Every structure is written in structure tokens, then in C-alpha cells.
Amino acid sequence: MKLIISLILSMVVLSSAKADSTQNILQKFKQIQQASQTYKDYKVIKISTLTSWTNQLEVFVQQQNKAVNNLQRDNLQLLQRVENLEKDLLETNAKLKQQEIVQAHVSFAGIDIHKNTWLIFCTVTIGAALAGFSFFAVRNKILIAQLSTKKQELLGLNSEFENLKQRSLEKQIKLSRELQNERNKLEQLKIEMRQSF
């Protein structure tokens, strides 16, 4: 940037110097023209004056050629600098694009995945895990409720079975007593019958 500003300033200075030098040469020519004698339609100019003016003109042309060469050299340098800056800009843009790609992608198991896709995948996976967990939690609660109902039914059946068993045992004891009583009666009858015969 400083180089460009200095080049512009030098061009302004050279152009103003060029304008001054051009005016000086033109003024000198007009002075020579006015100071010279006129012969019919022709101007008679002294050779020494004309030589002096042409020497000044040659010096002016050489200075202008040097200035043009310097400007061309500076222009080439500026063009090379602009090319270098454009290359740097292209490299920087490529790096920025690569950085944007890196920032927009996530590497998972060696595969580049866009962050939005990765977020959707994670959200779906977590949602599926939560849904599965909720399903199994609800199913577990239902199974626990069913199990407790069955346990209550089993306890009721066990108590009923125990009651039936107790009644059955009591009936069996009662029947066995009655059977024993009948046997005893039968024995008694047998004994009585024997005795009666």
C-alpha cells in the first residue's frame, strides 16, 4: 500500500515537473521565436541558440525517457506484487473454504459428515434410545402391576387352598372317626353275635 501511494506521489511530482519542464521548453521556444529576426515568412535563428534549445530538448527527452522507464519498472513491480497478492488471496480463500468445510463437518469413524446431518443422527439416536427406555419402563411397570395382581390372586388361591385343605382334613378326620366308630360298632356287633350264638 505504501509502495502504491509513493508511486502515485512520484507520478504526480513527475507530471508536475514534466509540465514545468514542458512549459519551460515551450517558453524558451517562444522566446527564441520572438527574439529571432524575420525574413519574409521565415524566422532566422542563431545556430548557437537553436543548439542550446535542442540540447535542453534532448535533456528533457532523456529525463522523460528515464521517468517512463522508472514508471514502467515500478509498474512491473506493482504488477508482480499484485500477482503475488492475488496468489496469496487465492491461497487464503482456499484455506478459508477448507476451514469452513472443517467447521461444517464432523469426522465419525473416518467418515466426514455434515454437522447438521450429525446433529439429526444424534437427535434421532437419543430419541430412539429414550423411546426404547420409556417403552421398557412402561412395560416393566405394567408387568410389575400384573405380577402384583397375579401375586394377590395367588395369595388368595393359596389361602383358599389352605382353607379347603383344612376343611378336607377336618372332613377326613371326621370321616375316619365315623369309620372307626362304625368299625367299632361292627366289631361290637360281631362280638355280640358270637356271644349270642
N, C-alpha and C. Protein backbone atom coordinates (compact mmCIF):
# COMPACT_ATOMS: atom_id res chain seq x y z
N MET A 1 0.83 -1.18 0.00
CA MET A 1 0.00 0.00 0.00
C MET A 1 0.87 1.25 0.00
N LYS A 2 1.94 1.25 0.81
CA LYS A 2 2.85 2.38 0.85
C LYS A 2 3.53 2.57 -0.50
N LEU A 3 3.85 1.43 -1.13
CA LEU A 3 4.50 1.48 -2.43
C LEU A 3 3.59 2.13 -3.45
N ILE A 4 2.33 1.81 -3.42
CA ILE A 4 1.36 2.38 -4.36
C ILE A 4 1.22 3.88 -4.11
N ILE A 5 1.12 4.27 -2.86
CA ILE A 5 0.98 5.70 -2.54
C ILE A 5 2.23 6.46 -2.98
N SER A 6 3.42 5.90 -2.69
CA SER A 6 4.66 6.57 -3.10
C SER A 6 4.75 6.67 -4.61
N LEU A 7 4.31 5.61 -5.33
CA LEU A 7 4.32 5.64 -6.79
C LEU A 7 3.39 6.72 -7.31
N ILE A 8 2.23 6.83 -6.74
CA ILE A 8 1.27 7.86 -7.17
C ILE A 8 1.84 9.25 -6.90
N LEU A 9 2.46 9.43 -5.73
CA LEU A 9 3.06 10.73 -5.42
C LEU A 9 4.18 11.06 -6.39
N SER A 10 5.03 10.05 -6.70
CA SER A 10 6.12 10.31 -7.65
C SER A 10 5.57 10.63 -9.03
N MET A 11 4.47 9.96 -9.42
CA MET A 11 3.87 10.25 -10.72
C MET A 11 3.32 11.68 -10.74
N VAL A 12 2.74 12.12 -9.64
CA VAL A 12 2.22 13.49 -9.56
C VAL A 12 3.37 14.48 -9.65
N VAL A 13 4.44 14.20 -8.88
CA VAL A 13 5.62 15.09 -8.90
C VAL A 13 6.22 15.12 -10.29
N LEU A 14 6.40 13.93 -10.91
CA LEU A 14 6.99 13.87 -12.26
C LEU A 14 6.11 14.58 -13.27
N SER A 15 4.79 14.39 -13.16
CA SER A 15 3.90 15.05 -14.13
C SER A 15 3.94 16.56 -13.94
N SER A 16 4.03 17.02 -12.68
CA SER A 16 4.12 18.47 -12.47
C SER A 16 5.47 18.98 -12.95
N ALA A 17 6.55 18.20 -12.70
CA ALA A 17 7.87 18.59 -13.19
C ALA A 17 7.88 18.55 -14.71
N LYS A 18 7.23 17.55 -15.28
CA LYS A 18 7.14 17.42 -16.74
C LYS A 18 6.39 18.62 -17.30
N ALA A 19 5.30 18.99 -16.65
CA ALA A 19 4.54 20.15 -17.11
C ALA A 19 5.39 21.41 -17.02
N ASP A 20 6.13 21.55 -15.89
CA ASP A 20 7.01 22.71 -15.73
C ASP A 20 8.09 22.70 -16.80
N SER A 21 8.72 21.52 -16.99
CA SER A 21 9.79 21.42 -17.99
C SER A 21 9.24 21.68 -19.39
N THR A 22 8.06 21.12 -19.69
CA THR A 22 7.45 21.33 -21.00
C THR A 22 7.15 22.81 -21.20
N GLN A 23 6.62 23.46 -20.14
CA GLN A 23 6.34 24.88 -20.26
C GLN A 23 7.64 25.67 -20.46
N ASN A 24 8.70 25.27 -19.71
CA ASN A 24 9.98 25.96 -19.86
C ASN A 24 10.49 25.83 -21.29
N ILE A 25 10.43 24.61 -21.85
CA ILE A 25 10.92 24.39 -23.21
C ILE A 25 10.06 25.17 -24.21
N LEU A 26 8.72 25.13 -24.01
CA LEU A 26 7.85 25.87 -24.92
C LEU A 26 8.07 27.38 -24.79
N GLN A 27 8.26 27.85 -23.56
CA GLN A 27 8.52 29.28 -23.36
C GLN A 27 9.85 29.67 -24.01
N LYS A 28 10.83 28.80 -23.83
CA LYS A 28 12.15 29.07 -24.43
C LYS A 28 12.01 29.12 -25.95
N PHE A 29 11.20 28.19 -26.53
CA PHE A 29 10.99 28.18 -27.97
C PHE A 29 10.31 29.47 -28.42
N LYS A 30 9.29 29.89 -27.64
CA LYS A 30 8.59 31.13 -27.99
C LYS A 30 9.52 32.33 -27.86
N GLN A 31 10.37 32.31 -26.83
CA GLN A 31 11.34 33.40 -26.68
C GLN A 31 12.29 33.43 -27.87
N ILE A 32 12.78 32.24 -28.27
CA ILE A 32 13.68 32.18 -29.42
C ILE A 32 12.95 32.68 -30.66
N GLN A 33 11.70 32.27 -30.82
CA GLN A 33 10.91 32.66 -31.98
C GLN A 33 10.70 34.17 -32.00
N GLN A 34 10.40 34.74 -30.85
CA GLN A 34 10.15 36.18 -30.78
C GLN A 34 11.46 36.98 -30.94
N ALA A 35 12.56 36.44 -30.39
CA ALA A 35 13.83 37.15 -30.43
C ALA A 35 14.52 37.04 -31.80
N SER A 36 14.13 36.07 -32.58
CA SER A 36 14.78 35.88 -33.87
C SER A 36 14.24 36.87 -34.91
N GLN A 37 15.06 37.08 -35.90
CA GLN A 37 14.70 38.02 -36.96
C GLN A 37 13.82 37.32 -37.99
N THR A 38 13.01 38.10 -38.64
CA THR A 38 12.10 37.56 -39.63
C THR A 38 12.61 37.97 -41.01
N TYR A 39 12.62 37.00 -41.88
CA TYR A 39 12.98 37.25 -43.29
C TYR A 39 11.87 36.69 -44.13
N LYS A 40 11.08 37.56 -44.70
CA LYS A 40 9.86 37.22 -45.42
C LYS A 40 8.98 36.40 -44.48
N ASP A 41 8.66 35.15 -44.85
CA ASP A 41 7.82 34.31 -43.96
C ASP A 41 8.68 33.43 -43.05
N TYR A 42 9.97 33.61 -43.10
CA TYR A 42 10.88 32.72 -42.36
C TYR A 42 11.47 33.44 -41.16
N LYS A 43 11.82 32.61 -40.16
CA LYS A 43 12.49 33.14 -38.97
C LYS A 43 13.94 32.72 -39.06
N VAL A 44 14.82 33.65 -38.76
CA VAL A 44 16.25 33.37 -38.79
C VAL A 44 16.67 33.20 -37.33
N ILE A 45 17.15 31.97 -37.04
CA ILE A 45 17.53 31.66 -35.65
C ILE A 45 19.02 31.38 -35.65
N LYS A 46 19.70 31.90 -34.62
CA LYS A 46 21.12 31.65 -34.49
C LYS A 46 21.31 30.18 -34.19
N ILE A 47 22.39 29.63 -34.75
CA ILE A 47 22.68 28.20 -34.56
C ILE A 47 22.98 27.92 -33.11
N SER A 48 23.68 28.78 -32.45
CA SER A 48 24.02 28.56 -31.03
C SER A 48 22.76 28.54 -30.17
N THR A 49 21.84 29.43 -30.47
CA THR A 49 20.59 29.46 -29.71
C THR A 49 19.78 28.20 -29.98
N LEU A 50 19.72 27.81 -31.27
CA LEU A 50 18.99 26.60 -31.63
C LEU A 50 19.65 25.37 -31.03
N THR A 51 20.99 25.33 -31.03
CA THR A 51 21.73 24.20 -30.44
C THR A 51 21.47 24.13 -28.94
N SER A 52 21.49 25.27 -28.29
CA SER A 52 21.22 25.30 -26.85
C SER A 52 19.81 24.78 -26.57
N TRP A 53 18.86 25.23 -27.38
CA TRP A 53 17.48 24.78 -27.17
C TRP A 53 17.32 23.31 -27.45
N THR A 54 17.96 22.78 -28.53
CA THR A 54 17.87 21.36 -28.83
C THR A 54 18.56 20.52 -27.76
N ASN A 55 19.65 21.06 -27.19
CA ASN A 55 20.31 20.34 -26.07
C ASN A 55 19.35 20.24 -24.88
N GLN A 56 18.68 21.35 -24.59
CA GLN A 56 17.69 21.32 -23.50
C GLN A 56 16.57 20.33 -23.84
N LEU A 57 16.18 20.32 -25.12
CA LEU A 57 15.13 19.40 -25.55
C LEU A 57 15.58 17.95 -25.41
N GLU A 58 16.84 17.66 -25.77
CA GLU A 58 17.38 16.30 -25.63
C GLU A 58 17.45 15.89 -24.16
N VAL A 59 17.91 16.83 -23.32
CA VAL A 59 17.96 16.54 -21.88
C VAL A 59 16.55 16.26 -21.36
N PHE A 60 15.59 17.07 -21.80
CA PHE A 60 14.20 16.87 -21.40
C PHE A 60 13.68 15.52 -21.86
N VAL A 61 13.96 15.14 -23.10
CA VAL A 61 13.51 13.86 -23.63
C VAL A 61 14.17 12.72 -22.87
N GLN A 62 15.47 12.85 -22.58
CA GLN A 62 16.17 11.80 -21.81
C GLN A 62 15.55 11.67 -20.42
N GLN A 63 15.28 12.80 -19.79
CA GLN A 63 14.64 12.76 -18.46
C GLN A 63 13.27 12.09 -18.55
N GLN A 64 12.54 12.43 -19.61
CA GLN A 64 11.22 11.83 -19.77
C GLN A 64 11.34 10.33 -20.03
N ASN A 65 12.33 9.94 -20.83
CA ASN A 65 12.56 8.51 -21.08
C ASN A 65 12.92 7.78 -19.79
N LYS A 66 13.79 8.40 -18.97
CA LYS A 66 14.15 7.80 -17.68
C LYS A 66 12.91 7.69 -16.79
N ALA A 67 12.13 8.75 -16.78
CA ALA A 67 10.91 8.73 -15.95
C ALA A 67 9.96 7.64 -16.43
N VAL A 68 9.82 7.52 -17.77
CA VAL A 68 8.95 6.47 -18.33
C VAL A 68 9.49 5.10 -17.97
N ASN A 69 10.82 4.93 -18.09
CA ASN A 69 11.44 3.64 -17.73
C ASN A 69 11.23 3.33 -16.25
N ASN A 70 11.42 4.34 -15.41
CA ASN A 70 11.21 4.15 -13.97
C ASN A 70 9.75 3.79 -13.69
N LEU A 71 8.84 4.49 -14.37
CA LEU A 71 7.42 4.19 -14.17
C LEU A 71 7.07 2.78 -14.68
N GLN A 72 7.68 2.40 -15.81
CA GLN A 72 7.43 1.04 -16.32
C GLN A 72 7.98 0.00 -15.35
N ARG A 73 9.19 0.26 -14.81
CA ARG A 73 9.77 -0.67 -13.83
C ARG A 73 8.89 -0.74 -12.58
N ASP A 74 8.47 0.45 -12.11
CA ASP A 74 7.59 0.47 -10.93
C ASP A 74 6.26 -0.23 -11.24
N ASN A 75 5.77 -0.03 -12.46
CA ASN A 75 4.53 -0.67 -12.88
C ASN A 75 4.70 -2.19 -12.89
N LEU A 76 5.83 -2.67 -13.43
CA LEU A 76 6.09 -4.12 -13.41
C LEU A 76 6.17 -4.66 -11.99
N GLN A 77 6.86 -3.90 -11.14
CA GLN A 77 6.95 -4.33 -9.73
C GLN A 77 5.57 -4.38 -9.10
N LEU A 78 4.76 -3.36 -9.41
CA LEU A 78 3.40 -3.35 -8.87
C LEU A 78 2.59 -4.51 -9.42
N LEU A 79 2.74 -4.79 -10.71
CA LEU A 79 2.02 -5.92 -11.29
C LEU A 79 2.45 -7.23 -10.65
N GLN A 80 3.76 -7.39 -10.43
CA GLN A 80 4.24 -8.61 -9.76
C GLN A 80 3.70 -8.68 -8.34
N ARG A 81 3.69 -7.52 -7.69
CA ARG A 81 3.17 -7.51 -6.31
C ARG A 81 1.68 -7.85 -6.30
N VAL A 82 0.95 -7.30 -7.29
CA VAL A 82 -0.49 -7.60 -7.38
C VAL A 82 -0.69 -9.08 -7.66
N GLU A 83 0.13 -9.66 -8.56
CA GLU A 83 0.03 -11.10 -8.83
C GLU A 83 0.30 -11.91 -7.57
N ASN A 84 1.35 -11.51 -6.82
CA ASN A 84 1.65 -12.21 -5.56
C ASN A 84 0.49 -12.08 -4.58
N LEU A 85 -0.07 -10.86 -4.51
CA LEU A 85 -1.20 -10.66 -3.60
C LEU A 85 -2.42 -11.47 -4.05
N GLU A 86 -2.62 -11.57 -5.38
CA GLU A 86 -3.73 -12.38 -5.87
C GLU A 86 -3.52 -13.85 -5.54
N LYS A 87 -2.25 -14.32 -5.69
CA LYS A 87 -1.95 -15.71 -5.32
C LYS A 87 -2.20 -15.93 -3.84
N ASP A 88 -1.73 -14.96 -3.03
CA ASP A 88 -1.97 -15.06 -1.58
C ASP A 88 -3.46 -15.06 -1.28
N LEU A 89 -4.21 -14.21 -2.02
CA LEU A 89 -5.65 -14.16 -1.81
C LEU A 89 -6.31 -15.47 -2.17
N LEU A 90 -5.88 -16.07 -3.30
CA LEU A 90 -6.43 -17.37 -3.69
C LEU A 90 -6.10 -18.44 -2.65
N GLU A 91 -4.86 -18.43 -2.15
CA GLU A 91 -4.48 -19.40 -1.12
C GLU A 91 -5.29 -19.18 0.15
N THR A 92 -5.46 -17.91 0.51
CA THR A 92 -6.24 -17.59 1.72
C THR A 92 -7.69 -18.03 1.54
N ASN A 93 -8.26 -17.77 0.34
CA ASN A 93 -9.64 -18.20 0.09
C ASN A 93 -9.76 -19.71 0.14
N ALA A 94 -8.75 -20.41 -0.43
CA ALA A 94 -8.77 -21.88 -0.37
C ALA A 94 -8.69 -22.36 1.07
N LYS A 95 -7.83 -21.72 1.86
CA LYS A 95 -7.72 -22.09 3.28
C LYS A 95 -9.03 -21.82 4.01
N LEU A 96 -9.66 -20.67 3.70
CA LEU A 96 -10.94 -20.34 4.34
C LEU A 96 -12.02 -21.34 3.97
N LYS A 97 -12.05 -21.74 2.68
CA LYS A 97 -13.04 -22.75 2.27
C LYS A 97 -12.78 -24.06 2.99
N GLN A 98 -11.48 -24.43 3.09
CA GLN A 98 -11.14 -25.67 3.80
C GLN A 98 -11.54 -25.57 5.26
N GLN A 99 -11.30 -24.39 5.85
CA GLN A 99 -11.68 -24.19 7.25
C GLN A 99 -13.19 -24.25 7.42
N GLU A 100 -13.92 -23.68 6.45
CA GLU A 100 -15.39 -23.76 6.51
C GLU A 100 -15.86 -25.19 6.41
N ILE A 101 -15.20 -25.97 5.54
CA ILE A 101 -15.54 -27.39 5.42
C ILE A 101 -15.26 -28.10 6.73
N VAL A 102 -14.09 -27.79 7.33
CA VAL A 102 -13.73 -28.43 8.60
C VAL A 102 -14.73 -28.05 9.69
N GLN A 103 -15.13 -26.77 9.70
CA GLN A 103 -16.08 -26.33 10.72
C GLN A 103 -17.47 -26.89 10.48
N ALA A 104 -17.82 -27.13 9.23
CA ALA A 104 -19.18 -27.60 8.92
C ALA A 104 -19.29 -29.12 8.95
N HIS A 105 -18.18 -29.84 9.09
CA HIS A 105 -18.21 -31.30 9.06
C HIS A 105 -17.63 -31.89 10.34
N VAL A 106 -18.06 -33.09 10.63
CA VAL A 106 -17.58 -33.85 11.78
C VAL A 106 -17.06 -35.18 11.24
N SER A 107 -15.92 -35.61 11.78
CA SER A 107 -15.38 -36.89 11.34
C SER A 107 -15.82 -37.97 12.33
N PHE A 108 -16.53 -38.96 11.81
CA PHE A 108 -17.01 -40.05 12.65
C PHE A 108 -16.60 -41.36 11.99
N ALA A 109 -15.76 -42.12 12.65
CA ALA A 109 -15.26 -43.40 12.15
C ALA A 109 -14.60 -43.24 10.79
N GLY A 110 -13.89 -42.10 10.63
CA GLY A 110 -13.17 -41.87 9.38
C GLY A 110 -14.04 -41.34 8.26
N ILE A 111 -15.29 -41.04 8.54
CA ILE A 111 -16.21 -40.55 7.51
C ILE A 111 -16.55 -39.10 7.85
N ASP A 112 -16.42 -38.21 6.85
CA ASP A 112 -16.81 -36.82 7.05
C ASP A 112 -18.32 -36.70 6.91
N ILE A 113 -18.93 -36.16 7.96
CA ILE A 113 -20.39 -35.99 7.98
C ILE A 113 -20.68 -34.53 8.26
N HIS A 114 -21.65 -33.96 7.55
CA HIS A 114 -22.05 -32.57 7.78
C HIS A 114 -22.61 -32.47 9.20
N LYS A 115 -22.33 -31.34 9.86
CA LYS A 115 -22.74 -31.17 11.25
C LYS A 115 -24.25 -31.29 11.42
N ASN A 116 -25.01 -30.74 10.50
CA ASN A 116 -26.48 -30.83 10.61
C ASN A 116 -26.93 -32.29 10.52
N THR A 117 -26.32 -33.05 9.61
CA THR A 117 -26.64 -34.47 9.50
C THR A 117 -26.26 -35.18 10.79
N TRP A 118 -25.09 -34.85 11.33
CA TRP A 118 -24.63 -35.46 12.57
C TRP A 118 -25.59 -35.14 13.72
N LEU A 119 -26.04 -33.87 13.80
CA LEU A 119 -26.99 -33.48 14.85
C LEU A 119 -28.31 -34.23 14.70
N ILE A 120 -28.79 -34.36 13.47
CA ILE A 120 -30.03 -35.10 13.23
C ILE A 120 -29.84 -36.56 13.64
N PHE A 121 -28.70 -37.15 13.25
CA PHE A 121 -28.42 -38.54 13.60
C PHE A 121 -28.38 -38.72 15.12
N CYS A 122 -27.67 -37.81 15.81
CA CYS A 122 -27.58 -37.90 17.28
C CYS A 122 -28.96 -37.71 17.92
N THR A 123 -29.73 -36.75 17.41
CA THR A 123 -31.06 -36.50 17.95
C THR A 123 -31.96 -37.72 17.78
N VAL A 124 -31.92 -38.30 16.56
CA VAL A 124 -32.75 -39.49 16.29
C VAL A 124 -32.29 -40.65 17.17
N THR A 125 -30.97 -40.83 17.31
CA THR A 125 -30.44 -41.93 18.14
C THR A 125 -30.84 -41.74 19.60
N ILE A 126 -30.67 -40.53 20.11
CA ILE A 126 -31.03 -40.27 21.51
C ILE A 126 -32.53 -40.40 21.69
N GLY A 127 -33.31 -39.89 20.70
CA GLY A 127 -34.77 -40.02 20.77
C GLY A 127 -35.21 -41.48 20.77
N ALA A 128 -34.56 -42.29 19.90
CA ALA A 128 -34.89 -43.72 19.84
C ALA A 128 -34.51 -44.41 21.16
N ALA A 129 -33.36 -44.03 21.71
CA ALA A 129 -32.94 -44.63 22.99
C ALA A 129 -33.93 -44.25 24.10
N LEU A 130 -34.34 -42.97 24.13
CA LEU A 130 -35.31 -42.54 25.15
C LEU A 130 -36.67 -43.22 24.94
N ALA A 131 -37.08 -43.35 23.66
CA ALA A 131 -38.35 -44.04 23.39
C ALA A 131 -38.27 -45.50 23.81
N GLY A 132 -37.13 -46.15 23.50
CA GLY A 132 -36.95 -47.55 23.91
C GLY A 132 -36.93 -47.67 25.42
N PHE A 133 -36.22 -46.76 26.08
CA PHE A 133 -36.17 -46.78 27.55
C PHE A 133 -37.56 -46.56 28.13
N SER A 134 -38.29 -45.58 27.56
CA SER A 134 -39.66 -45.31 28.04
C SER A 134 -40.56 -46.53 27.81
N PHE A 135 -40.44 -47.15 26.63
CA PHE A 135 -41.24 -48.33 26.32
C PHE A 135 -40.97 -49.43 27.35
N PHE A 136 -39.68 -49.71 27.60
CA PHE A 136 -39.36 -50.77 28.55
C PHE A 136 -39.72 -50.39 29.97
N ALA A 137 -39.63 -49.10 30.32
CA ALA A 137 -40.03 -48.67 31.66
C ALA A 137 -41.54 -48.85 31.85
N VAL A 138 -42.32 -48.43 30.84
CA VAL A 138 -43.77 -48.58 30.93
C VAL A 138 -44.15 -50.06 30.94
N ARG A 139 -43.49 -50.82 30.06
CA ARG A 139 -43.77 -52.26 30.01
C ARG A 139 -43.43 -52.91 31.35
N ASN A 140 -42.31 -52.49 31.94
CA ASN A 140 -41.90 -53.02 33.23
C ASN A 140 -42.92 -52.68 34.31
N LYS A 141 -43.43 -51.43 34.29
CA LYS A 141 -44.45 -51.06 35.28
C LYS A 141 -45.72 -51.89 35.09
N ILE A 142 -46.11 -52.07 33.81
CA ILE A 142 -47.30 -52.89 33.54
C ILE A 142 -47.09 -54.32 34.01
N LEU A 143 -45.90 -54.86 33.72
CA LEU A 143 -45.60 -56.23 34.16
C LEU A 143 -45.57 -56.33 35.68
N ILE A 144 -45.02 -55.30 36.33
CA ILE A 144 -44.98 -55.30 37.81
C ILE A 144 -46.41 -55.25 38.35
N ALA A 145 -47.26 -54.41 37.74
CA ALA A 145 -48.65 -54.33 38.19
C ALA A 145 -49.36 -55.66 37.96
N GLN A 146 -49.15 -56.27 36.79
CA GLN A 146 -49.75 -57.58 36.51
C GLN A 146 -49.21 -58.64 37.47
N LEU A 147 -47.91 -58.57 37.73
CA LEU A 147 -47.30 -59.54 38.64
C LEU A 147 -47.87 -59.38 40.05
N SER A 148 -48.03 -58.13 40.48
CA SER A 148 -48.59 -57.95 41.83
C SER A 148 -50.04 -58.42 41.88
N THR A 149 -50.81 -58.20 40.77
CA THR A 149 -52.18 -58.71 40.71
C THR A 149 -52.17 -60.23 40.77
N LYS A 150 -51.30 -60.85 39.99
CA LYS A 150 -51.21 -62.32 40.00
C LYS A 150 -50.75 -62.82 41.36
N LYS A 151 -49.85 -62.06 41.99
CA LYS A 151 -49.38 -62.46 43.32
C LYS A 151 -50.53 -62.41 44.32
N GLN A 152 -51.35 -61.34 44.20
CA GLN A 152 -52.51 -61.25 45.09
C GLN A 152 -53.48 -62.39 44.82
N GLU A 153 -53.68 -62.69 43.53
CA GLU A 153 -54.55 -63.81 43.18
C GLU A 153 -53.98 -65.11 43.72
N LEU A 154 -52.66 -65.28 43.59
CA LEU A 154 -52.01 -66.49 44.09
C LEU A 154 -52.14 -66.59 45.61
N LEU A 155 -51.94 -65.46 46.28
CA LEU A 155 -52.11 -65.48 47.74
C LEU A 155 -53.55 -65.84 48.11
N GLY A 156 -54.52 -65.25 47.34
CA GLY A 156 -55.93 -65.59 47.59
C GLY A 156 -56.18 -67.07 47.33
N LEU A 157 -55.61 -67.59 46.21
CA LEU A 157 -55.78 -69.02 45.92
C LEU A 157 -55.10 -69.88 46.97
N ASN A 158 -53.93 -69.46 47.43
CA ASN A 158 -53.23 -70.22 48.48
C ASN A 158 -54.04 -70.25 49.77
N SER A 159 -54.59 -69.10 50.13
CA SER A 159 -55.38 -69.09 51.37
C SER A 159 -56.64 -69.93 51.19
N GLU A 160 -57.26 -69.84 49.98
CA GLU A 160 -58.43 -70.66 49.71
C GLU A 160 -58.05 -72.14 49.71
N PHE A 161 -56.87 -72.44 49.09
CA PHE A 161 -56.40 -73.82 49.08
C PHE A 161 -56.14 -74.32 50.50
N GLU A 162 -55.55 -73.45 51.31
CA GLU A 162 -55.30 -73.83 52.69
C GLU A 162 -56.62 -74.06 53.44
N ASN A 163 -57.59 -73.19 53.17
CA ASN A 163 -58.90 -73.37 53.80
C ASN A 163 -59.53 -74.69 53.36
N LEU A 164 -59.47 -74.95 52.03
CA LEU A 164 -60.02 -76.20 51.51
C LEU A 164 -59.27 -77.39 52.07
N LYS A 165 -57.98 -77.25 52.16
CA LYS A 165 -57.17 -78.34 52.71
C LYS A 165 -57.54 -78.58 54.18
N GLN A 166 -57.70 -77.51 54.89
CA GLN A 166 -58.07 -77.63 56.31
C GLN A 166 -59.45 -78.28 56.44
N ARG A 167 -60.39 -77.84 55.62
CA ARG A 167 -61.72 -78.44 55.67
C ARG A 167 -61.69 -79.90 55.25
N SER A 168 -60.91 -80.13 54.20
CA SER A 168 -60.78 -81.51 53.73
C SER A 168 -60.16 -82.39 54.82
N LEU A 169 -59.14 -81.86 55.48
CA LEU A 169 -58.51 -82.62 56.57
C LEU A 169 -59.51 -82.85 57.71
N GLU A 170 -60.26 -81.83 58.01
CA GLU A 170 -61.25 -81.98 59.07
C GLU A 170 -62.31 -83.02 58.67
N LYS A 171 -62.75 -82.97 57.38
CA LYS A 171 -63.72 -83.97 56.92
C LYS A 171 -63.11 -85.36 56.98
N GLN A 172 -61.84 -85.42 56.55
CA GLN A 172 -61.17 -86.74 56.56
C GLN A 172 -61.08 -87.25 58.01
N ILE A 173 -60.74 -86.37 58.90
CA ILE A 173 -60.66 -86.79 60.32
C ILE A 173 -62.04 -87.20 60.81
N LYS A 174 -63.04 -86.42 60.47
CA LYS A 174 -64.39 -86.73 60.88
C LYS A 174 -64.85 -88.07 60.29
N LEU A 175 -64.54 -88.24 58.96
CA LEU A 175 -64.92 -89.49 58.32
C LEU A 175 -64.14 -90.67 58.91
N SER A 176 -62.88 -90.43 59.17
CA SER A 176 -62.12 -91.54 59.75
C SER A 176 -62.62 -91.86 61.16
N ARG A 177 -63.10 -90.87 61.92
CA ARG A 177 -63.67 -91.14 63.23
C ARG A 177 -64.98 -91.93 63.08
N GLU A 178 -65.76 -91.44 62.10
CA GLU A 178 -67.02 -92.13 61.87
C GLU A 178 -66.77 -93.57 61.42
N LEU A 179 -65.76 -93.71 60.53
CA LEU A 179 -65.40 -95.05 60.08
C LEU A 179 -64.93 -95.90 61.26
N GLN A 180 -64.14 -95.29 62.09
CA GLN A 180 -63.66 -96.03 63.27
C GLN A 180 -64.84 -96.38 64.19
N ASN A 181 -65.75 -95.44 64.32
CA ASN A 181 -66.93 -95.71 65.14
C ASN A 181 -67.75 -96.85 64.54
N GLU A 182 -67.90 -96.82 63.21
CA GLU A 182 -68.65 -97.87 62.54
C GLU A 182 -67.92 -99.21 62.67
N ARG A 183 -66.61 -99.16 62.57
CA ARG A 183 -65.84 -100.39 62.73
C ARG A 183 -66.01 -100.91 64.16
N ASN A 184 -65.92 -99.96 65.03
CA ASN A 184 -66.10 -100.37 66.43
C ASN A 184 -67.50 -100.97 66.66
N LYS A 185 -68.46 -100.35 66.03
CA LYS A 185 -69.81 -100.87 66.16
C LYS A 185 -69.91 -102.24 65.53
N LEU A 186 -69.28 -102.38 64.36
CA LEU A 186 -69.29 -103.67 63.67
C LEU A 186 -68.59 -104.72 64.55
N GLU A 187 -67.53 -104.39 65.11
CA GLU A 187 -66.81 -105.31 65.99
C GLU A 187 -67.70 -105.67 67.21
N GLN A 188 -68.32 -104.66 67.67
CA GLN A 188 -69.20 -104.87 68.81
C GLN A 188 -70.35 -105.81 68.44
N LEU A 189 -70.86 -105.62 67.26
CA LEU A 189 -71.93 -106.47 66.78
C LEU A 189 -71.42 -107.90 66.57
N LYS A 190 -70.23 -107.99 66.05
CA LYS A 190 -69.66 -109.30 65.84
C LYS A 190 -69.48 -109.99 67.20
N ILE A 191 -69.00 -109.25 68.08
CA ILE A 191 -68.79 -109.84 69.41
C ILE A 191 -70.15 -110.24 70.01
N GLU A 192 -71.08 -109.46 69.89
CA GLU A 192 -72.40 -109.72 70.42
C GLU A 192 -73.02 -110.91 69.69
N MET A 193 -72.78 -111.01 68.46
CA MET A 193 -73.32 -112.11 67.71
C MET A 193 -72.61 -113.40 68.08
N ARG A 194 -71.43 -113.31 68.34
CA ARG A 194 -70.73 -114.52 68.75
C ARG A 194 -71.23 -114.95 70.14
N GLN A 195 -71.42 -114.01 70.84
CA GLN A 195 -71.85 -114.34 72.18
C GLN A 195 -73.31 -114.86 72.17
N SER A 196 -74.02 -114.39 71.30
CA SER A 196 -75.38 -114.85 71.23
C SER A 196 -75.42 -116.22 70.58
N PHE A 197 -74.56 -116.61 69.89
CA PHE A 197 -74.55 -117.96 69.34
C PHE A 197 -73.81 -118.80 70.23
